[in-house]
């Protein structure tokens, strides 16, 4: 998990407000956005069938 750059922060902030228009937590100075890098994904179709 890595904190996003300043350029990415502005883009993420716009997207966040697009999906959550009533929430404005970005006004707080301590609000940060992080990027998660996925290394491995395991799909589980249901409890009886694991891929």
C-alpha atoms as a PDB file:
ATOM      1  CA  UNK A   1       0.000   0.000   0.000  1.00  0.00           C
ATOM      2  CA  UNK A   2       1.401   3.336  -1.089  1.00  0.00           C
ATOM      3  CA  UNK A   3       0.243   6.923  -0.687  1.00  0.00           C
ATOM      4  CA  UNK A   4      -0.744   8.394  -4.090  1.00  0.00           C
ATOM      5  CA  UNK A   5       1.237  11.246  -5.635  1.00  0.00           C
ATOM      6  CA  UNK A   6      -0.100  14.808  -5.607  1.00  0.00           C
ATOM      7  CA  UNK A   7      -1.164  14.504  -9.261  1.00  0.00           C
ATOM      8  CA  UNK A   8      -3.037  11.256  -8.598  1.00  0.00           C
ATOM      9  CA  UNK A   9      -4.564  12.718  -5.433  1.00  0.00           C
ATOM     10  CA  UNK A  10      -6.444  15.375  -7.417  1.00  0.00           C
ATOM     11  CA  UNK A  11      -7.815  12.763  -9.834  1.00  0.00           C
ATOM     12  CA  UNK A  12      -8.831  10.439  -6.979  1.00  0.00           C
ATOM     13  CA  UNK A  13     -10.458  13.325  -5.129  1.00  0.00           C
ATOM     14  CA  UNK A  14     -12.622  14.142  -8.174  1.00  0.00           C
ATOM     15  CA  UNK A  15     -13.638  10.487  -8.578  1.00  0.00           C
ATOM     16  CA  UNK A  16     -14.411  10.178  -4.867  1.00  0.00           C
ATOM     17  CA  UNK A  17     -16.737  13.201  -5.002  1.00  0.00           C
ATOM     18  CA  UNK A  18     -18.380  11.810  -8.149  1.00  0.00           C
ATOM     19  CA  UNK A  19     -19.369   8.583  -6.359  1.00  0.00           C
ATOM     20  CA  UNK A  20     -19.950  10.105  -2.894  1.00  0.00           C
ATOM     21  CA  UNK A  21     -21.163  13.687  -3.488  1.00  0.00           C
ATOM     22  CA  UNK A  22     -22.512  14.187   0.030  1.00  0.00           C
ATOM     23  CA  UNK A  23     -19.253  13.212   1.755  1.00  0.00           C
ATOM     24  CA  UNK A  24     -16.548  15.856   2.027  1.00  0.00           C
ATOM     25  CA  UNK A  25     -13.746  14.350   4.173  1.00  0.00           C
ATOM     26  CA  UNK A  26     -11.015  15.796   1.935  1.00  0.00           C
ATOM     27  CA  UNK A  27     -11.278  19.128   3.730  1.00  0.00           C
ATOM     28  CA  UNK A  28      -9.437  17.559   6.655  1.00  0.00           C
ATOM     29  CA  UNK A  29      -5.680  18.006   6.473  1.00  0.00           C
ATOM     30  CA  UNK A  30      -5.049  14.435   7.630  1.00  0.00           C
ATOM     31  CA  UNK A  31      -7.091  12.698   4.899  1.00  0.00           C
ATOM     32  CA  UNK A  32      -4.920  10.620   2.538  1.00  0.00           C
ATOM     33  CA  UNK A  33      -5.582   8.309  -0.392  1.00  0.00           C
ATOM     34  CA  UNK A  34      -3.594   5.108  -0.824  1.00  0.00           C
ATOM     35  CA  UNK A  35      -3.046   2.802  -3.783  1.00  0.00           C
ATOM     36  CA  UNK A  36      -3.132  -0.949  -3.194  1.00  0.00           C
ATOM     37  CA  UNK A  37      -1.050  -3.125  -5.513  1.00  0.00           C
ATOM     38  CA  UNK A  38      -2.570  -6.576  -5.949  1.00  0.00           C
ATOM     39  CA  UNK A  39      -0.013  -9.369  -6.221  1.00  0.00           C
ATOM     40  CA  UNK A  40      -2.294 -12.400  -6.254  1.00  0.00           C
ATOM     41  CA  UNK A  41      -6.016 -12.966  -6.729  1.00  0.00           C
ATOM     42  CA  UNK A  42      -7.899 -16.162  -5.984  1.00  0.00           C
ATOM     43  CA  UNK A  43     -11.418 -16.513  -7.311  1.00  0.00           C
ATOM     44  CA  UNK A  44     -13.872 -18.584  -5.272  1.00  0.00           C
ATOM     45  CA  UNK A  45     -17.076 -19.297  -7.218  1.00  0.00           C
ATOM     46  CA  UNK A  46     -18.978 -20.673  -4.248  1.00  0.00           C
ATOM     47  CA  UNK A  47     -18.245 -22.727  -1.157  1.00  0.00           C
ATOM     48  CA  UNK A  48     -18.283 -26.011  -3.101  1.00  0.00           C
ATOM     49  CA  UNK A  49     -16.139 -24.913  -6.043  1.00  0.00           C
ATOM     50  CA  UNK A  50     -12.774 -23.225  -5.514  1.00  0.00           C
ATOM     51  CA  UNK A  51     -10.656 -22.232  -8.503  1.00  0.00           C
END
